Amino acid sequence: MTPYGKMSQTAIAALSCLAEHSGGKAPTYLGSTEIARLRNLTNPAVRKVMTTLSQAALVASVPGPGGGFVLARPPREITLLAIVSLFERVDQSLNCPFGPNWCGNGPQCPLHEDIAALREQADKFLRKHTLADFLPCGSRVRNPQPIE
């Protein structure tokens, strides 16, 4: 549950799935169909986000039988900001709910400070949390169990 769109949520779910299978001696490649099944997502949505994540070098892929996707970096090195920023505008600009040219051109709207605080809190959250935060405590140190 995040305040971001469906594509961001799908990307986080898909990458957290890969993170769970990233701790073995040899990489465990998962195809988009398998990721979709494991996370109860639609296969077209997973395929779409995996293309974007691959282009951003967050995942590596191997085509063909036995291929699929793996994280391109350790889970602790991939922040939620790196993922969400591919699908959402996460810059610091605030869109005033009173319309364009309200805040910054005269008095600020009554919600300005609350919106600014919310944006700052969301930014801190995305920068602080990595895919390692999705792993069970024990698997952050040990290798996760391979899928059957």
C-alpha atoms as a PDB file:
ATOM      1  CA  MET A   1       0.000   0.000   0.000  1.00  0.00           C
ATOM      2  CA  THR A   2       1.693   3.150  -1.211  1.00  0.00           C
ATOM      3  CA  PRO A   3       0.411   6.561  -2.236  1.00  0.00           C
ATOM      4  CA  TYR A   4       1.837   5.979  -5.703  1.00  0.00           C
ATOM      5  CA  GLY A   5       0.307   4.730  -8.916  1.00  0.00           C
ATOM      6  CA  LYS A   6      -0.283   1.192 -10.097  1.00  0.00           C
ATOM      7  CA  MET A   7       2.934   1.007 -12.128  1.00  0.00           C
ATOM      8  CA  SER A   8       5.069   2.061  -9.148  1.00  0.00           C
ATOM      9  CA  GLN A   9       3.304  -0.432  -6.903  1.00  0.00           C
ATOM     10  CA  THR A  10       3.754  -3.199  -9.478  1.00  0.00           C
ATOM     11  CA  ALA A  11       7.446  -2.363  -9.849  1.00  0.00           C
ATOM     12  CA  ILE A  12       8.014  -2.417  -6.082  1.00  0.00           C
ATOM     13  CA  ALA A  13       6.168  -5.738  -5.793  1.00  0.00           C
ATOM     14  CA  ALA A  14       8.123  -7.283  -8.674  1.00  0.00           C
ATOM     15  CA  LEU A  15      11.491  -6.107  -7.369  1.00  0.00           C
ATOM     16  CA  SER A  16      10.704  -7.195  -3.812  1.00  0.00           C
ATOM     17  CA  CYS A  17       9.993 -10.649  -5.266  1.00  0.00           C
ATOM     18  CA  LEU A  18      13.379 -10.661  -6.990  1.00  0.00           C
ATOM     19  CA  ALA A  19      14.994  -9.454  -3.769  1.00  0.00           C
ATOM     20  CA  GLU A  20      13.592 -12.475  -1.927  1.00  0.00           C
ATOM     21  CA  HIS A  21      15.361 -14.723  -4.414  1.00  0.00           C
ATOM     22  CA  SER A  22      18.631 -12.809  -4.656  1.00  0.00           C
ATOM     23  CA  GLY A  23      20.617 -14.244  -1.764  1.00  0.00           C
ATOM     24  CA  GLY A  24      21.794 -17.554  -3.198  1.00  0.00           C
ATOM     25  CA  LYS A  25      25.266 -18.424  -4.428  1.00  0.00           C
ATOM     26  CA  ALA A  26      23.996 -18.426  -8.010  1.00  0.00           C
ATOM     27  CA  PRO A  27      21.362 -15.952  -9.183  1.00  0.00           C
ATOM     28  CA  THR A  28      17.788 -17.203  -9.319  1.00  0.00           C
ATOM     29  CA  TYR A  29      16.206 -15.931 -12.508  1.00  0.00           C
ATOM     30  CA  LEU A  30      12.463 -15.357 -12.442  1.00  0.00           C
ATOM     31  CA  GLY A  31      10.355 -14.782 -15.523  1.00  0.00           C
ATOM     32  CA  SER A  32       7.627 -12.172 -15.643  1.00  0.00           C
ATOM     33  CA  THR A  33       4.937 -14.886 -15.513  1.00  0.00           C
ATOM     34  CA  GLU A  34       6.451 -16.336 -12.352  1.00  0.00           C
ATOM     35  CA  ILE A  35       6.811 -12.906 -10.730  1.00  0.00           C
ATOM     36  CA  ALA A  36       3.191 -12.136 -11.604  1.00  0.00           C
ATOM     37  CA  ARG A  37       2.041 -15.432 -10.086  1.00  0.00           C
ATOM     38  CA  LEU A  38       4.096 -15.036  -6.909  1.00  0.00           C
ATOM     39  CA  ARG A  39       2.828 -11.480  -6.321  1.00  0.00           C
ATOM     40  CA  ASN A  40      -0.715 -11.933  -7.657  1.00  0.00           C
ATOM     41  CA  LEU A  41      -0.146  -9.340 -10.380  1.00  0.00           C
ATOM     42  CA  THR A  42      -1.162  -9.271 -14.008  1.00  0.00           C
ATOM     43  CA  ASN A  43       1.480 -10.572 -16.394  1.00  0.00           C
ATOM     44  CA  PRO A  44       1.118  -7.640 -18.848  1.00  0.00           C
ATOM     45  CA  ALA A  45       1.741  -5.127 -16.034  1.00  0.00           C
ATOM     46  CA  VAL A  46       4.788  -7.043 -14.814  1.00  0.00           C
ATOM     47  CA  ARG A  47       6.216  -7.308 -18.343  1.00  0.00           C
ATOM     48  CA  LYS A  48       5.743  -3.574 -18.826  1.00  0.00           C
ATOM     49  CA  VAL A  49       7.474  -2.541 -15.587  1.00  0.00           C
ATOM     50  CA  MET A  50      10.271  -5.070 -16.095  1.00  0.00           C
ATOM     51  CA  THR A  51      11.082  -3.437 -19.424  1.00  0.00           C
ATOM     52  CA  THR A  52      11.394  -0.049 -17.717  1.00  0.00           C
ATOM     53  CA  LEU A  53      13.391  -1.502 -14.807  1.00  0.00           C
ATOM     54  CA  SER A  54      15.737  -3.237 -17.239  1.00  0.00           C
ATOM     55  CA  GLN A  55      16.299  -0.027 -19.195  1.00  0.00           C
ATOM     56  CA  ALA A  56      17.108   1.714 -15.886  1.00  0.00           C
ATOM     57  CA  ALA A  57      19.639  -1.046 -15.051  1.00  0.00           C
ATOM     58  CA  LEU A  58      17.837  -2.068 -11.850  1.00  0.00           C
ATOM     59  CA  VAL A  59      17.415  -5.591 -13.203  1.00  0.00           C
ATOM     60  CA  ALA A  60      19.427  -7.764 -15.534  1.00  0.00           C
ATOM     61  CA  SER A  61      17.776 -10.291 -17.814  1.00  0.00           C
ATOM     62  CA  VAL A  62      18.648 -13.453 -19.657  1.00  0.00           C
ATOM     63  CA  PRO A  63      16.362 -14.570 -22.494  1.00  0.00           C
ATOM     64  CA  GLY A  64      15.153 -18.083 -23.144  1.00  0.00           C
ATOM     65  CA  PRO A  65      14.467 -21.184 -21.070  1.00  0.00           C
ATOM     66  CA  GLY A  66      16.013 -20.909 -17.628  1.00  0.00           C
ATOM     67  CA  GLY A  67      16.332 -17.175 -18.097  1.00  0.00           C
ATOM     68  CA  GLY A  68      14.390 -14.327 -16.602  1.00  0.00           C
ATOM     69  CA  PHE A  69      15.203 -11.394 -14.386  1.00  0.00           C
ATOM     70  CA  VAL A  70      17.520 -10.821 -11.422  1.00  0.00           C
ATOM     71  CA  LEU A  71      18.382  -7.705  -9.469  1.00  0.00           C
ATOM     72  CA  ALA A  72      21.315  -5.873 -11.012  1.00  0.00           C
ATOM     73  CA  ARG A  73      22.526  -4.793  -7.561  1.00  0.00           C
ATOM     74  CA  PRO A  74      22.116  -6.070  -3.998  1.00  0.00           C
ATOM     75  CA  PRO A  75      18.696  -5.273  -2.461  1.00  0.00           C
ATOM     76  CA  ARG A  76      20.219  -2.870   0.083  1.00  0.00           C
ATOM     77  CA  GLU A  77      21.533  -0.711  -2.785  1.00  0.00           C
ATOM     78  CA  ILE A  78      18.159  -0.177  -4.496  1.00  0.00           C
ATOM     79  CA  THR A  79      16.062   2.498  -2.813  1.00  0.00           C
ATOM     80  CA  LEU A  80      12.347   2.879  -3.277  1.00  0.00           C
ATOM     81  CA  LEU A  81      13.136   6.315  -4.690  1.00  0.00           C
ATOM     82  CA  ALA A  82      15.139   4.704  -7.502  1.00  0.00           C
ATOM     83  CA  ILE A  83      12.099   2.599  -8.370  1.00  0.00           C
ATOM     84  CA  VAL A  84       9.262   5.087  -7.897  1.00  0.00           C
ATOM     85  CA  SER A  85      11.066   7.899  -9.712  1.00  0.00           C
ATOM     86  CA  LEU A  86      10.892   5.824 -12.913  1.00  0.00           C
ATOM     87  CA  PHE A  87       7.091   5.958 -12.854  1.00  0.00           C
ATOM     88  CA  GLU A  88       6.161   9.082 -10.870  1.00  0.00           C
ATOM     89  CA  ARG A  89       7.146  12.715 -10.544  1.00  0.00           C
ATOM     90  CA  VAL A  90       8.887  12.787  -7.197  1.00  0.00           C
ATOM     91  CA  ASP A  91      10.593  16.139  -7.547  1.00  0.00           C
ATOM     92  CA  GLN A  92      10.179  18.788  -4.892  1.00  0.00           C
ATOM     93  CA  SER A  93       7.754  20.954  -6.843  1.00  0.00           C
ATOM     94  CA  LEU A  94       4.401  21.285  -5.186  1.00  0.00           C
ATOM     95  CA  ASN A  95       1.203  21.452  -7.142  1.00  0.00           C
ATOM     96  CA  CYS A  96      -1.079  23.819  -5.344  1.00  0.00           C
ATOM     97  CA  PRO A  97      -4.616  22.416  -4.998  1.00  0.00           C
ATOM     98  CA  PHE A  98      -5.919  25.964  -5.600  1.00  0.00           C
ATOM     99  CA  GLY A  99      -4.513  25.890  -9.118  1.00  0.00           C
ATOM    100  CA  PRO A 100      -1.404  27.036 -10.933  1.00  0.00           C
ATOM    101  CA  ASN A 101       0.172  30.354 -10.037  1.00  0.00           C
ATOM    102  CA  TRP A 102      -1.423  30.504  -6.580  1.00  0.00           C
ATOM    103  CA  CYS A 103       1.459  29.627  -4.245  1.00  0.00           C
ATOM    104  CA  GLY A 104       4.570  31.611  -5.041  1.00  0.00           C
ATOM    105  CA  ASN A 105       2.601  34.508  -6.515  1.00  0.00           C
ATOM    106  CA  GLY A 106       1.256  36.161  -3.415  1.00  0.00           C
ATOM    107  CA  PRO A 107       0.117  34.549  -0.186  1.00  0.00           C
ATOM    108  CA  GLN A 108       0.475  30.784   0.109  1.00  0.00           C
ATOM    109  CA  CYS A 109      -2.659  28.670   0.081  1.00  0.00           C
ATOM    110  CA  PRO A 110      -3.971  27.439   3.441  1.00  0.00           C
ATOM    111  CA  LEU A 111      -2.702  23.891   2.721  1.00  0.00           C
ATOM    112  CA  HIS A 112       0.805  24.818   1.580  1.00  0.00           C
ATOM    113  CA  GLU A 113       2.695  23.953   4.769  1.00  0.00           C
ATOM    114  CA  ASP A 114       0.899  20.626   5.209  1.00  0.00           C
ATOM    115  CA  ILE A 115       1.522  19.638   1.588  1.00  0.00           C
ATOM    116  CA  ALA A 116       5.186  20.616   1.887  1.00  0.00           C
ATOM    117  CA  ALA A 117       5.528  18.506   5.056  1.00  0.00           C
ATOM    118  CA  LEU A 118       3.821  15.549   3.383  1.00  0.00           C
ATOM    119  CA  ARG A 119       6.118  15.805   0.348  1.00  0.00           C
ATOM    120  CA  GLU A 120       9.181  15.926   2.637  1.00  0.00           C
ATOM    121  CA  GLN A 121       7.977  12.904   4.610  1.00  0.00           C
ATOM    122  CA  ALA A 122       7.371  10.908   1.414  1.00  0.00           C
ATOM    123  CA  ASP A 123      10.806  11.873   0.072  1.00  0.00           C
ATOM    124  CA  LYS A 124      12.522  10.756   3.294  1.00  0.00           C
ATOM    125  CA  PHE A 125      10.591   7.474   3.222  1.00  0.00           C
ATOM    126  CA  LEU A 126      11.599   6.711  -0.384  1.00  0.00           C
ATOM    127  CA  ARG A 127      15.260   7.574   0.263  1.00  0.00           C
ATOM    128  CA  LYS A 128      15.457   5.616   3.531  1.00  0.00           C
ATOM    129  CA  HIS A 129      13.895   2.328   2.466  1.00  0.00           C
ATOM    130  CA  THR A 130      15.513  -0.197   0.164  1.00  0.00           C
ATOM    131  CA  LEU A 131      14.480  -3.563  -1.200  1.00  0.00           C
ATOM    132  CA  ALA A 132      16.329  -5.137   1.740  1.00  0.00           C
ATOM    133  CA  ASP A 133      13.516  -3.831   3.954  1.00  0.00           C
ATOM    134  CA  PHE A 134      11.159  -6.292   2.247  1.00  0.00           C
ATOM    135  CA  LEU A 135      13.218  -9.287   3.278  1.00  0.00           C
ATOM    136  CA  PRO A 136      12.408 -11.231   6.424  1.00  0.00           C
ATOM    137  CA  CYS A 137      14.896 -10.303   9.145  1.00  0.00           C
ATOM    138  CA  GLY A 138      16.723 -13.629   8.939  1.00  0.00           C
ATOM    139  CA  SER A 139      17.171 -13.511   5.180  1.00  0.00           C
ATOM    140  CA  ARG A 140      18.906 -10.150   5.356  1.00  0.00           C
ATOM    141  CA  VAL A 141      21.847 -12.092   6.732  1.00  0.00           C
ATOM    142  CA  ARG A 142      21.240 -15.631   5.494  1.00  0.00           C
ATOM    143  CA  ASN A 143      20.344 -16.752   2.003  1.00  0.00           C
ATOM    144  CA  PRO A 144      16.609 -16.988   1.268  1.00  0.00           C
ATOM    145  CA  GLN A 145      15.130 -20.354   0.363  1.00  0.00           C
ATOM    146  CA  PRO A 146      14.998 -20.980  -3.390  1.00  0.00           C
ATOM    147  CA  ILE A 147      11.568 -21.257  -4.939  1.00  0.00           C
ATOM    148  CA  GLU A 148      10.289 -24.715  -5.876  1.00  0.00           C
END
